[in-house]
Structure formats: C-alpha cells, structure tokens
C-alpha atoms as a PDB file:
ATOM      1  CA  UNK A   1      10.606  -3.831  -8.506  1.00  0.00           C
ATOM      2  CA  UNK A   2       8.245  -4.549  -5.630  1.00  0.00           C
ATOM      3  CA  UNK A   3       7.822  -8.329  -5.378  1.00  0.00           C
ATOM      4  CA  UNK A   4       4.342  -9.510  -4.345  1.00  0.00           C
ATOM      5  CA  UNK A   5       2.670 -12.736  -3.214  1.00  0.00           C
ATOM      6  CA  UNK A   6      -1.148 -12.802  -3.389  1.00  0.00           C
ATOM      7  CA  UNK A   7      -3.273 -14.987  -1.087  1.00  0.00           C
ATOM      8  CA  UNK A   8      -6.938 -15.294  -2.132  1.00  0.00           C
ATOM      9  CA  UNK A   9      -9.165 -18.381  -2.019  1.00  0.00           C
ATOM     10  CA  UNK A  10     -11.412 -17.428  -4.950  1.00  0.00           C
ATOM     11  CA  UNK A  11      -9.599 -18.367  -8.165  1.00  0.00           C
ATOM     12  CA  UNK A  12     -11.317 -15.704 -10.272  1.00  0.00           C
ATOM     13  CA  UNK A  13     -10.455 -12.892  -7.838  1.00  0.00           C
ATOM     14  CA  UNK A  14      -6.908 -14.222  -7.454  1.00  0.00           C
ATOM     15  CA  UNK A  15      -6.369 -14.240 -11.212  1.00  0.00           C
ATOM     16  CA  UNK A  16      -7.876 -10.761 -11.625  1.00  0.00           C
ATOM     17  CA  UNK A  17      -5.712  -9.279  -8.868  1.00  0.00           C
ATOM     18  CA  UNK A  18      -2.568 -10.857 -10.299  1.00  0.00           C
ATOM     19  CA  UNK A  19      -3.378  -9.641 -13.808  1.00  0.00           C
ATOM     20  CA  UNK A  20      -4.190  -6.089 -12.721  1.00  0.00           C
ATOM     21  CA  UNK A  21      -1.107  -5.700 -10.532  1.00  0.00           C
ATOM     22  CA  UNK A  22       1.139  -7.151 -13.236  1.00  0.00           C
ATOM     23  CA  UNK A  23       0.162  -4.246 -15.498  1.00  0.00           C
ATOM     24  CA  UNK A  24       2.069  -1.891 -13.180  1.00  0.00           C
ATOM     25  CA  UNK A  25       5.653  -1.386 -14.325  1.00  0.00           C
ATOM     26  CA  UNK A  26       7.106  -1.397 -10.805  1.00  0.00           C
ATOM     27  CA  UNK A  27       5.126  -4.346  -9.389  1.00  0.00           C
ATOM     28  CA  UNK A  28       5.895  -8.038  -9.933  1.00  0.00           C
ATOM     29  CA  UNK A  29       3.581 -10.845  -8.788  1.00  0.00           C
ATOM     30  CA  UNK A  30       5.997 -13.659  -7.900  1.00  0.00           C
ATOM     31  CA  UNK A  31       3.562 -16.049  -6.209  1.00  0.00           C
ATOM     32  CA  UNK A  32      -0.114 -16.891  -5.767  1.00  0.00           C
ATOM     33  CA  UNK A  33      -1.888 -19.064  -3.183  1.00  0.00           C
ATOM     34  CA  UNK A  34      -5.495 -20.090  -2.522  1.00  0.00           C
ATOM     35  CA  UNK A  35      -5.229 -20.787   1.216  1.00  0.00           C
ATOM     36  CA  UNK A  36      -3.313 -19.383   4.155  1.00  0.00           C
ATOM     37  CA  UNK A  37      -0.963 -22.339   4.604  1.00  0.00           C
ATOM     38  CA  UNK A  38       0.095 -22.290   0.940  1.00  0.00           C
ATOM     39  CA  UNK A  39       0.575 -18.519   1.195  1.00  0.00           C
ATOM     40  CA  UNK A  40       2.847 -18.908   4.217  1.00  0.00           C
ATOM     41  CA  UNK A  41       4.932 -21.462   2.332  1.00  0.00           C
ATOM     42  CA  UNK A  42       5.134 -19.096  -0.665  1.00  0.00           C
ATOM     43  CA  UNK A  43       6.298 -16.231   1.570  1.00  0.00           C
ATOM     44  CA  UNK A  44       8.941 -18.470   3.153  1.00  0.00           C
ATOM     45  CA  UNK A  45      10.180 -19.618  -0.247  1.00  0.00           C
ATOM     46  CA  UNK A  46       9.923 -16.428  -2.304  1.00  0.00           C
ATOM     47  CA  UNK A  47      10.580 -13.724   0.334  1.00  0.00           C
ATOM     48  CA  UNK A  48       8.345 -11.077  -1.275  1.00  0.00           C
ATOM     49  CA  UNK A  49       8.376  -7.417  -0.282  1.00  0.00           C
ATOM     50  CA  UNK A  50       4.595  -7.366   0.125  1.00  0.00           C
ATOM     51  CA  UNK A  51       1.952 -10.013   0.847  1.00  0.00           C
ATOM     52  CA  UNK A  52      -1.549  -9.101  -0.395  1.00  0.00           C
ATOM     53  CA  UNK A  53      -3.986 -11.308   1.520  1.00  0.00           C
ATOM     54  CA  UNK A  54      -7.676 -11.956   1.933  1.00  0.00           C
ATOM     55  CA  UNK A  55      -8.910 -12.449   5.517  1.00  0.00           C
ATOM     56  CA  UNK A  56     -11.284 -15.408   5.263  1.00  0.00           C
ATOM     57  CA  UNK A  57      -9.404 -18.320   3.675  1.00  0.00           C
ATOM     58  CA  UNK A  58      -9.277 -22.083   4.238  1.00  0.00           C
ATOM     59  CA  UNK A  59      -6.734 -23.849   6.502  1.00  0.00           C
ATOM     60  CA  UNK A  60      -5.299 -20.588   7.853  1.00  0.00           C
ATOM     61  CA  UNK A  61      -7.084 -17.225   7.882  1.00  0.00           C
ATOM     62  CA  UNK A  62      -5.420 -14.043   6.707  1.00  0.00           C
ATOM     63  CA  UNK A  63      -5.041 -12.900  10.320  1.00  0.00           C
ATOM     64  CA  UNK A  64      -3.414 -16.205  11.324  1.00  0.00           C
ATOM     65  CA  UNK A  65      -1.184 -15.901   8.263  1.00  0.00           C
ATOM     66  CA  UNK A  66      -0.169 -12.369   9.278  1.00  0.00           C
ATOM     67  CA  UNK A  67       0.686 -13.569  12.790  1.00  0.00           C
ATOM     68  CA  UNK A  68       2.820 -16.405  11.372  1.00  0.00           C
ATOM     69  CA  UNK A  69       4.674 -14.093   8.963  1.00  0.00           C
ATOM     70  CA  UNK A  70       5.444 -11.740  11.851  1.00  0.00           C
ATOM     71  CA  UNK A  71       6.406 -14.532  14.278  1.00  0.00           C
ATOM     72  CA  UNK A  72       8.811 -16.070  11.764  1.00  0.00           C
ATOM     73  CA  UNK A  73      10.393 -12.711  10.943  1.00  0.00           C
ATOM     74  CA  UNK A  74       9.796 -13.197   7.212  1.00  0.00           C
ATOM     75  CA  UNK A  75       9.892  -9.467   6.539  1.00  0.00           C
ATOM     76  CA  UNK A  76       6.968  -9.232   4.100  1.00  0.00           C
ATOM     77  CA  UNK A  77       4.768  -6.208   4.707  1.00  0.00           C
ATOM     78  CA  UNK A  78       1.103  -7.165   4.597  1.00  0.00           C
ATOM     79  CA  UNK A  79      -1.862  -5.563   2.838  1.00  0.00           C
ATOM     80  CA  UNK A  80      -5.268  -7.054   3.678  1.00  0.00           C
ATOM     81  CA  UNK A  81      -7.838  -6.844   0.888  1.00  0.00           C
ATOM     82  CA  UNK A  82     -11.234  -8.028   2.032  1.00  0.00           C
ATOM     83  CA  UNK A  83     -14.963  -7.899   1.371  1.00  0.00           C
ATOM     84  CA  UNK A  84     -15.488  -7.639   5.123  1.00  0.00           C
ATOM     85  CA  UNK A  85     -15.575  -4.124   6.507  1.00  0.00           C
ATOM     86  CA  UNK A  86     -15.920  -5.476  10.048  1.00  0.00           C
ATOM     87  CA  UNK A  87     -14.171  -3.113  12.464  1.00  0.00           C
ATOM     88  CA  UNK A  88     -12.932  -5.903  14.737  1.00  0.00           C
ATOM     89  CA  UNK A  89     -11.006  -7.433  11.839  1.00  0.00           C
ATOM     90  CA  UNK A  90      -9.187  -4.155  11.256  1.00  0.00           C
ATOM     91  CA  UNK A  91      -8.273  -3.719  14.918  1.00  0.00           C
ATOM     92  CA  UNK A  92      -6.940  -7.267  15.087  1.00  0.00           C
ATOM     93  CA  UNK A  93      -5.072  -6.826  11.799  1.00  0.00           C
ATOM     94  CA  UNK A  94      -3.348  -3.686  13.101  1.00  0.00           C
ATOM     95  CA  UNK A  95      -2.418  -5.435  16.343  1.00  0.00           C
ATOM     96  CA  UNK A  96      -0.904  -8.214  14.204  1.00  0.00           C
ATOM     97  CA  UNK A  97       1.286  -5.734  12.348  1.00  0.00           C
ATOM     98  CA  UNK A  98      -0.675  -5.462   9.084  1.00  0.00           C
ATOM     99  CA  UNK A  99       0.291  -2.251   7.262  1.00  0.00           C
ATOM    100  CA  UNK A 100      -2.504  -1.942   4.698  1.00  0.00           C
ATOM    101  CA  UNK A 101      -6.230  -2.642   4.862  1.00  0.00           C
ATOM    102  CA  UNK A 102      -8.535  -2.111   1.878  1.00  0.00           C
ATOM    103  CA  UNK A 103     -11.913  -3.327   0.691  1.00  0.00           C
ATOM    104  CA  UNK A 104     -12.050  -5.488  -2.437  1.00  0.00           C
ATOM    105  CA  UNK A 105     -14.207  -2.950  -4.240  1.00  0.00           C
ATOM    106  CA  UNK A 106     -11.319  -0.450  -4.143  1.00  0.00           C
ATOM    107  CA  UNK A 107     -10.089   0.492  -7.650  1.00  0.00           C
ATOM    108  CA  UNK A 108      -6.989  -1.367  -8.889  1.00  0.00           C
ATOM    109  CA  UNK A 109      -4.960   1.850  -8.915  1.00  0.00           C
ATOM    110  CA  UNK A 110      -5.780   2.405  -5.223  1.00  0.00           C
ATOM    111  CA  UNK A 111      -4.492  -1.082  -4.378  1.00  0.00           C
ATOM    112  CA  UNK A 112      -1.345  -0.564  -6.475  1.00  0.00           C
ATOM    113  CA  UNK A 113      -0.626   2.731  -4.724  1.00  0.00           C
ATOM    114  CA  UNK A 114      -1.303   1.166  -1.321  1.00  0.00           C
ATOM    115  CA  UNK A 115       1.249  -1.562  -2.107  1.00  0.00           C
ATOM    116  CA  UNK A 116       3.839   1.097  -2.992  1.00  0.00           C
ATOM    117  CA  UNK A 117       3.116   3.018   0.209  1.00  0.00           C
ATOM    118  CA  UNK A 118       3.320  -0.104   2.389  1.00  0.00           C
ATOM    119  CA  UNK A 119       6.503  -1.270   0.644  1.00  0.00           C
ATOM    120  CA  UNK A 120       7.959   2.148   1.504  1.00  0.00           C
ATOM    121  CA  UNK A 121       7.242   1.628   5.204  1.00  0.00           C
ATOM    122  CA  UNK A 122       3.998   3.574   5.470  1.00  0.00           C
ATOM    123  CA  UNK A 123       0.519   2.464   6.574  1.00  0.00           C
ATOM    124  CA  UNK A 124      -2.592   2.632   4.379  1.00  0.00           C
ATOM    125  CA  UNK A 125      -6.094   2.059   5.735  1.00  0.00           C
ATOM    126  CA  UNK A 126      -9.398   2.768   4.006  1.00  0.00           C
ATOM    127  CA  UNK A 127     -10.675   5.859   5.853  1.00  0.00           C
ATOM    128  CA  UNK A 128     -14.232   4.589   6.389  1.00  0.00           C
ATOM    129  CA  UNK A 129     -12.866   1.426   8.005  1.00  0.00           C
ATOM    130  CA  UNK A 130     -10.467   3.301  10.272  1.00  0.00           C
ATOM    131  CA  UNK A 131     -13.270   5.479  11.646  1.00  0.00           C
ATOM    132  CA  UNK A 132     -15.515   2.470  12.318  1.00  0.00           C
ATOM    133  CA  UNK A 133     -12.727   0.509  14.027  1.00  0.00           C
ATOM    134  CA  UNK A 134     -12.278   3.056  16.793  1.00  0.00           C
ATOM    135  CA  UNK A 135     -16.040   3.380  17.284  1.00  0.00           C
ATOM    136  CA  UNK A 136     -16.572  -0.337  17.932  1.00  0.00           C
ATOM    137  CA  UNK A 137     -14.058  -0.760  20.765  1.00  0.00           C
ATOM    138  CA  UNK A 138     -11.816  -3.680  21.614  1.00  0.00           C
ATOM    139  CA  UNK A 139     -12.762  -7.345  21.417  1.00  0.00           C
ATOM    140  CA  UNK A 140     -14.019  -8.319  24.908  1.00  0.00           C
ATOM    141  CA  UNK A 141     -13.827 -12.083  24.258  1.00  0.00           C
ATOM    142  CA  UNK A 142     -10.999 -14.305  25.440  1.00  0.00           C
ATOM    143  CA  UNK A 143      -9.343 -16.651  22.946  1.00  0.00           C
ATOM    144  CA  UNK A 144     -11.106 -19.642  24.499  1.00  0.00           C
ATOM    145  CA  UNK A 145     -14.489 -17.898  24.372  1.00  0.00           C
ATOM    146  CA  UNK A 146     -13.891 -17.165  20.706  1.00  0.00           C
ATOM    147  CA  UNK A 147     -12.997 -20.803  19.990  1.00  0.00           C
ATOM    148  CA  UNK A 148     -16.090 -22.077  21.787  1.00  0.00           C
ATOM    149  CA  UNK A 149     -18.339 -19.484  20.138  1.00  0.00           C
ATOM    150  CA  UNK A 150     -17.021 -20.312  16.641  1.00  0.00           C
ATOM    151  CA  UNK A 151     -17.962 -23.958  17.082  1.00  0.00           C
ATOM    152  CA  UNK A 152     -21.329 -23.093  18.636  1.00  0.00           C
ATOM    153  CA  UNK A 153     -22.046 -20.762  15.718  1.00  0.00           C
ATOM    154  CA  UNK A 154     -21.308 -23.682  13.370  1.00  0.00           C
ATOM    155  CA  UNK A 155     -24.091 -25.649  15.080  1.00  0.00           C
ATOM    156  CA  UNK A 156     -21.967 -27.890  17.339  1.00  0.00           C
ATOM    157  CA  UNK A 157     -23.480 -29.152  20.599  1.00  0.00           C
ATOM    158  CA  UNK A 158     -21.785 -28.505  23.939  1.00  0.00           C
ATOM    159  CA  UNK A 159     -20.593 -32.131  24.006  1.00  0.00           C
ATOM    160  CA  UNK A 160     -19.094 -31.829  20.509  1.00  0.00           C
ATOM    161  CA  UNK A 161     -17.384 -28.550  21.392  1.00  0.00           C
ATOM    162  CA  UNK A 162     -16.009 -30.057  24.597  1.00  0.00           C
ATOM    163  CA  UNK A 163     -14.632 -33.052  22.686  1.00  0.00           C
ATOM    164  CA  UNK A 164     -13.075 -30.873  19.964  1.00  0.00           C
ATOM    165  CA  UNK A 165     -11.383 -28.501  22.425  1.00  0.00           C
ATOM    166  CA  UNK A 166     -10.564 -30.999  25.183  1.00  0.00           C
ATOM    167  CA  UNK A 167     -12.805 -29.263  27.717  1.00  0.00           C
ATOM    168  CA  UNK A 168     -15.496 -30.423  30.127  1.00  0.00           C
ATOM    169  CA  UNK A 169     -19.085 -29.812  28.873  1.00  0.00           C
ATOM    170  CA  UNK A 170     -19.694 -27.636  31.954  1.00  0.00           C
ATOM    171  CA  UNK A 171     -16.724 -25.453  31.012  1.00  0.00           C
ATOM    172  CA  UNK A 172     -18.135 -25.031  27.507  1.00  0.00           C
ATOM    173  CA  UNK A 173     -21.506 -24.034  28.957  1.00  0.00           C
ATOM    174  CA  UNK A 174     -19.812 -21.478  31.235  1.00  0.00           C
ATOM    175  CA  UNK A 175     -17.706 -20.059  28.375  1.00  0.00           C
ATOM    176  CA  UNK A 176     -20.793 -19.621  26.179  1.00  0.00           C
ATOM    177  CA  UNK A 177     -22.647 -17.966  29.052  1.00  0.00           C
ATOM    178  CA  UNK A 178     -19.717 -15.606  29.712  1.00  0.00           C
ATOM    179  CA  UNK A 179     -19.426 -14.700  26.014  1.00  0.00           C
ATOM    180  CA  UNK A 180     -23.161 -14.024  25.761  1.00  0.00           C
ATOM    181  CA  UNK A 181     -23.057 -11.804  28.862  1.00  0.00           C
ATOM    182  CA  UNK A 182     -20.089  -9.798  27.555  1.00  0.00           C
ATOM    183  CA  UNK A 183     -21.875  -9.206  24.248  1.00  0.00           C
ATOM    184  CA  UNK A 184     -25.282  -8.492  25.796  1.00  0.00           C
ATOM    185  CA  UNK A 185     -26.739 -11.429  23.848  1.00  0.00           C
ATOM    186  CA  UNK A 186     -29.741 -13.576  24.773  1.00  0.00           C
ATOM    187  CA  UNK A 187     -27.963 -16.800  23.840  1.00  0.00           C
ATOM    188  CA  UNK A 188     -25.233 -18.494  21.827  1.00  0.00           C
ATOM    189  CA  UNK A 189     -26.798 -17.824  18.405  1.00  0.00           C
ATOM    190  CA  UNK A 190     -27.164 -14.094  19.010  1.00  0.00           C
ATOM    191  CA  UNK A 191     -23.705 -13.961  20.616  1.00  0.00           C
ATOM    192  CA  UNK A 192     -22.188 -15.607  17.534  1.00  0.00           C
ATOM    193  CA  UNK A 193     -23.978 -13.190  15.210  1.00  0.00           C
ATOM    194  CA  UNK A 194     -22.892 -10.102  17.177  1.00  0.00           C
ATOM    195  CA  UNK A 195     -19.284 -11.268  17.411  1.00  0.00           C
ATOM    196  CA  UNK A 196     -19.197 -12.197  13.715  1.00  0.00           C
ATOM    197  CA  UNK A 197     -20.691  -8.852  12.638  1.00  0.00           C
ATOM    198  CA  UNK A 198     -18.077  -6.954  14.620  1.00  0.00           C
ATOM    199  CA  UNK A 199     -15.224  -9.104  13.304  1.00  0.00           C
ATOM    200  CA  UNK A 200     -14.437 -10.596  16.710  1.00  0.00           C
ATOM    201  CA  UNK A 201     -14.536 -14.267  15.667  1.00  0.00           C
END
C-alpha cells in the first residue's frame, strides 16, 4: 500500500480528494491537514510515502512545507495539486524537490497514477505546465524583495513593511524600486501583479 497524507485548506476539496483516492485498492489516505503546519506535523508523525499538497495554504504554504519536509529528511515524496498554473510556482517546486505537479482539474485517475509514479521514484508534471515553466525564465527577485513586495501587494505602507521586517523605510523604498525595475513595472502595484501572475511571490 502507498500511504498518503493530503494537505488542502478547502474542506470540501480535501474530503473529495481523500474519498477519491481511498477508492484505489493500492492507496491509503492515512492523514489529512488544512494548513501547512498541520501537514508537516502529520508527515512527521505518520511518515507517509507520498504527501499530496496544495500550494496556497494558511500558516505555511505548500512550497514552504516541501522545503521543511526535505530539510528534515522526512522521506515523503511530494505531489503538488494546485489551481495555479503559474510557471514560477512549478520552477520553485522542482528546485525544492517536488516530484509531481498537477492541476486540480486533472481527473482522479490521473492523480492516482501520478502518486504511483512518484512513489516509485519517478517525476510527473502536467505537460502544459512544464512547457510554460521553461518559457518564463527564473525568478529575478531576491528573497528580501519578495518579502517586501508581498507586504506592499497586501496594501502595507513603507513604514509598516519596515516595522514588520525590521528594515529602515529607505531600504524598503529601495527594495521596491529594485523589484519594479527587474520586472519592468511602473510601480509597486504592477510589480506585485506581475510577480504574482508568474508565481514568483
């Protein structure tokens, strides 16, 4: 049996995924979680073969979760299932060691087969996403620029961002200016939109 933990913040989707995968004779859903931190705890406790995870979740994103699973050497192979076909997400997921990447509108049998493939040590990526990922290029933003841009995108002022990140307001202004220049954006709002659309935030 392939033992699976599912991480998905929407209860209805989580329940549907668990129910559909449980119909497969060789798959066993041993744990479910609605945020990244709870999923990490479940992986630590249950030691599944495969973690099926959403990307955008509360407390800890799917990408942060994947990094933590890898850093702690927990051994679970990871399949990302997401509504977001943003190429930057896929590139980052692959760099984090994710082995499977599918869109949520994939048929249940495609997900089940992807889990089997990943459990067997192979990689499975939706073809349309793989092609787009190489077209978009690498993320040009530094980690600090991403942090500043995320808060700016959420409507925070430079002073608020500086306080949250422990930076000087002038540093925040410079980081936003640098990020905008790298993305060819007219300002922070456009920079946030471009970065978000490409999956770079």
